[in-house]
Amino acid sequence: MSKILKSLGTVVLVFACVVVAITTFLVGYIKGYSFGKNDQYGVDQKYLSQFVSATSKPFATSTSSPKPIVVYVKPTPAPSWGGPQLWDAVNQSRVEHGVNPLKSKDDLCTIASIRLNELLQLGTLDGHQGFSALEQRNDIKPIFDSYGVVSEFLVSGATSPQNAVDLWLNTMGHKQLLTGGEYVWGCIYAQNGFGVAIAAY
């Protein structure tokens, strides 16, 4: 019986020693980890504070509000030329191409005036639809009937009278205004880069 008690006491003593050893190890480990972590945090903070102070300019933030950027766009001036200048440029080109200059007719100017106003209101060319509609108007139809042929030549976006003439010269149908010797009469109205030439014979 005493041997059993002695063995049991030995087992309990060994068990107690193991528990104490494990507890001591765990407490030491936890304290050491915590100390090391805090110590590393201190080192990191010290390193970061030196880095930030050494490079503070790039990371500096301004407390003043940003100044607005003002962009000034210079407006494009409207072309300063009109019908009389384009009329002269067309007739000069016709002479250079060996054909007669056009002679002005007031009734053709009525058509040119109406058409230019229509195009200025639209802000674009209309593919001669307005011109075709004029042929059907009772007050304008007699003008068309008094000539064998009445033709319309349109241009838009021209920067000068010569530019308008060049645009007409570069298209087959419009080129006839500048090279067609059959045309005798005409009238031209122009404004804001739009040009309307009415020619007839």
Protein backbone atom coordinates (compact mmCIF):
# COMPACT_ATOMS: atom_id res chain seq x y z
CA MET A 1 0.00 0.00 0.00
CA SER A 2 2.82 2.35 0.84
CA LYS A 3 4.48 1.52 -2.47
CA ILE A 4 1.30 2.47 -4.35
CA LEU A 5 1.03 5.74 -2.44
CA LYS A 6 4.67 6.45 -3.06
CA SER A 7 4.23 5.80 -6.82
CA LEU A 8 1.12 7.93 -6.88
CA GLY A 9 2.93 10.76 -5.13
CA THR A 10 5.74 10.53 -7.65
CA VAL A 11 3.26 10.73 -10.55
CA VAL A 12 1.50 13.71 -8.97
CA LEU A 13 4.85 15.43 -8.39
CA VAL A 14 5.96 14.83 -12.01
CA PHE A 15 2.60 16.04 -13.26
CA ALA A 16 2.82 19.17 -11.12
CA CYS A 17 6.35 19.86 -12.39
CA VAL A 18 5.20 19.48 -15.99
CA VAL A 19 2.25 21.84 -15.39
CA VAL A 20 4.54 24.43 -13.76
CA ALA A 21 7.06 24.12 -16.59
CA ILE A 22 4.40 24.53 -19.28
CA THR A 23 2.82 27.46 -17.44
CA THR A 24 6.19 29.18 -17.00
CA PHE A 25 7.01 28.67 -20.67
CA LEU A 26 3.69 30.04 -21.83
CA VAL A 27 3.85 33.08 -19.58
CA GLY A 28 7.40 33.82 -20.70
CA TYR A 29 6.51 33.34 -24.34
CA ILE A 30 3.50 35.59 -24.14
CA LYS A 31 5.44 38.31 -22.31
CA GLY A 32 8.36 38.04 -24.69
CA TYR A 33 6.10 38.21 -27.77
CA SER A 34 4.29 41.20 -26.34
CA PHE A 35 7.53 42.94 -25.43
CA GLY A 36 9.05 42.19 -28.82
CA LYS A 37 5.97 43.37 -30.64
CA ASN A 38 5.84 46.61 -28.68
CA ASP A 39 9.56 47.06 -29.10
CA GLN A 40 9.27 46.50 -32.87
CA TYR A 41 6.35 48.94 -32.99
CA GLY A 42 8.57 51.51 -31.29
CA VAL A 43 11.35 50.86 -33.79
CA ASP A 44 8.91 51.14 -36.70
CA GLN A 45 7.52 54.40 -35.37
CA LYS A 46 11.00 55.80 -34.80
CA TYR A 47 12.04 54.81 -38.36
CA LEU A 48 8.88 56.24 -39.91
CA SER A 49 9.18 59.52 -38.02
CA GLN A 50 12.75 59.94 -39.32
CA PHE A 51 11.66 59.06 -42.86
CA VAL A 52 8.75 61.47 -42.78
CA SER A 53 10.81 64.30 -41.34
CA ALA A 54 13.57 63.71 -43.87
CA THR A 55 11.11 63.70 -46.78
CA SER A 56 8.46 66.02 -45.45
CA LYS A 57 8.30 68.26 -48.54
CA PRO A 58 6.74 65.73 -50.95
CA PHE A 59 4.17 64.75 -48.34
CA ALA A 60 3.36 68.28 -47.24
CA THR A 61 -0.25 69.30 -47.69
CA SER A 62 -1.39 72.83 -48.30
CA THR A 63 -4.07 74.32 -46.13
CA SER A 64 -4.83 77.09 -48.63
CA SER A 65 -7.60 76.53 -51.14
CA PRO A 66 -6.50 75.85 -54.75
CA LYS A 67 -6.60 78.78 -57.14
CA PRO A 68 -9.03 78.39 -60.04
CA ILE A 69 -7.56 78.03 -63.52
CA VAL A 70 -9.10 80.47 -65.96
CA VAL A 71 -9.00 79.48 -69.63
CA TYR A 72 -9.78 82.22 -72.10
CA VAL A 73 -10.90 81.07 -75.52
CA LYS A 74 -10.66 83.79 -78.10
CA PRO A 75 -13.88 83.83 -80.12
CA THR A 76 -13.53 83.19 -83.82
CA PRO A 77 -14.48 86.40 -85.59
CA ALA A 78 -17.22 86.20 -88.19
CA PRO A 79 -15.98 86.67 -91.75
CA SER A 80 -15.96 90.36 -92.59
CA TRP A 81 -16.66 89.91 -96.27
CA GLY A 82 -20.04 89.80 -97.96
CA GLY A 83 -21.83 89.59 -101.28
CA PRO A 84 -20.08 92.47 -103.10
CA GLN A 85 -16.61 91.00 -102.40
CA LEU A 86 -17.71 87.52 -103.47
CA TRP A 87 -19.32 88.97 -106.60
CA ASP A 88 -16.01 90.59 -107.57
CA ALA A 89 -14.06 87.37 -106.87
CA VAL A 90 -16.49 85.29 -108.98
CA ASN A 91 -16.34 87.67 -111.94
CA GLN A 92 -12.56 87.89 -111.71
CA SER A 93 -12.36 84.09 -111.80
CA ARG A 94 -14.74 83.95 -114.75
CA VAL A 95 -12.55 86.39 -116.70
CA GLU A 96 -9.46 84.34 -115.78
CA HIS A 97 -11.23 81.28 -117.19
CA GLY A 98 -11.98 83.08 -120.44
CA VAL A 99 -15.71 83.68 -119.99
CA ASN A 100 -17.81 86.81 -119.63
CA PRO A 101 -18.37 88.41 -116.21
CA LEU A 102 -21.93 88.12 -114.93
CA LYS A 103 -24.28 91.10 -115.18
CA SER A 104 -26.37 91.91 -112.11
CA LYS A 105 -30.17 91.49 -112.20
CA ASP A 106 -32.39 92.70 -109.35
CA ASP A 107 -34.93 89.89 -109.68
CA LEU A 108 -32.14 87.32 -109.24
CA CYS A 109 -31.03 89.26 -106.15
CA THR A 110 -34.50 88.69 -104.68
CA ILE A 111 -33.91 84.93 -104.91
CA ALA A 112 -30.35 85.20 -103.56
CA SER A 113 -31.52 87.30 -100.59
CA ILE A 114 -34.33 84.89 -99.67
CA ARG A 115 -32.01 81.89 -99.93
CA LEU A 116 -29.23 83.43 -97.84
CA ASN A 117 -31.67 84.26 -95.04
CA GLU A 118 -32.98 80.68 -95.11
CA LEU A 119 -29.46 79.24 -94.83
CA LEU A 120 -28.47 81.61 -92.02
CA GLN A 121 -31.55 80.53 -90.07
CA LEU A 122 -30.77 76.85 -90.66
CA GLY A 123 -27.08 77.30 -89.92
CA THR A 124 -26.24 74.78 -92.64
CA LEU A 125 -26.76 74.06 -96.32
CA ASP A 126 -30.06 72.47 -97.31
CA GLY A 127 -29.14 70.65 -100.51
CA HIS A 128 -31.03 73.27 -102.60
CA GLN A 129 -34.41 72.25 -101.14
CA GLY A 130 -35.33 75.87 -100.43
CA PHE A 131 -34.39 76.82 -103.99
CA SER A 132 -36.67 74.12 -105.41
CA ALA A 133 -39.50 75.33 -103.17
CA LEU A 134 -39.09 78.91 -104.46
CA GLU A 135 -39.84 77.75 -108.01
CA GLN A 136 -43.34 76.82 -106.81
CA ARG A 137 -44.10 80.09 -104.98
CA ASN A 138 -46.60 82.24 -106.91
CA ASP A 139 -44.73 85.48 -106.15
CA ILE A 140 -41.32 84.07 -107.22
CA LYS A 141 -42.31 81.74 -110.05
CA PRO A 142 -42.51 84.59 -112.64
CA ILE A 143 -38.80 85.29 -112.07
CA PHE A 144 -37.92 81.69 -112.96
CA ASP A 145 -40.26 81.82 -115.97
CA SER A 146 -38.52 84.91 -117.40
CA TYR A 147 -35.24 82.99 -117.92
CA GLY A 148 -34.41 79.82 -119.77
CA VAL A 149 -32.31 78.45 -116.87
CA VAL A 150 -31.83 79.69 -113.32
CA SER A 151 -29.16 77.94 -111.23
CA GLU A 152 -28.15 78.17 -107.60
CA PHE A 153 -24.60 77.76 -106.26
CA LEU A 154 -24.08 77.48 -102.50
CA VAL A 155 -21.02 77.58 -100.27
CA SER A 156 -20.55 77.44 -96.49
CA GLY A 157 -17.58 77.76 -94.16
CA ALA A 158 -15.62 79.96 -96.55
CA THR A 159 -13.05 82.15 -94.82
CA SER A 160 -12.73 84.67 -97.65
CA PRO A 161 -14.20 85.42 -101.10
CA GLN A 162 -11.23 83.69 -102.72
CA ASN A 163 -11.70 80.67 -100.46
CA ALA A 164 -15.34 80.46 -101.58
CA VAL A 165 -14.25 80.62 -105.24
CA ASP A 166 -11.67 77.89 -104.60
CA LEU A 167 -14.32 75.68 -102.97
CA TRP A 168 -16.58 76.11 -105.99
CA LEU A 169 -13.71 75.40 -108.40
CA ASN A 170 -13.02 72.09 -106.67
CA THR A 171 -16.48 70.63 -107.30
CA MET A 172 -17.72 69.72 -110.75
CA GLY A 173 -21.24 71.15 -110.51
CA HIS A 174 -20.23 74.40 -108.84
CA LYS A 175 -17.27 74.93 -111.16
CA GLN A 176 -19.75 75.82 -113.88
CA LEU A 177 -20.45 79.12 -112.11
CA LEU A 178 -16.85 80.15 -112.78
CA THR A 179 -16.26 78.56 -116.19
CA GLY A 180 -19.72 78.42 -117.77
CA GLY A 181 -19.88 80.99 -120.55
CA GLU A 182 -23.60 80.31 -121.01
CA TYR A 183 -24.46 82.25 -117.83
CA VAL A 184 -25.14 85.94 -118.53
CA TRP A 185 -26.99 87.24 -115.49
CA GLY A 186 -26.44 86.78 -111.80
CA CYS A 187 -26.54 88.02 -108.23
CA ILE A 188 -24.57 86.98 -105.14
CA TYR A 189 -25.37 87.39 -101.44
CA ALA A 190 -22.99 86.31 -98.67
CA GLN A 191 -22.68 86.54 -94.89
CA ASN A 192 -20.92 84.64 -92.08
CA GLY A 193 -19.13 82.29 -94.46
CA PHE A 194 -22.31 81.37 -96.36
CA GLY A 195 -22.57 82.35 -100.00
CA VAL A 196 -25.48 82.14 -102.45
CA ALA A 197 -24.89 82.77 -106.13
CA ILE A 198 -27.84 82.80 -108.52
CA ALA A 199 -26.89 82.66 -112.21
CA ALA A 200 -29.18 82.59 -115.24
CA TYR A 201 -29.37 82.80 -119.02
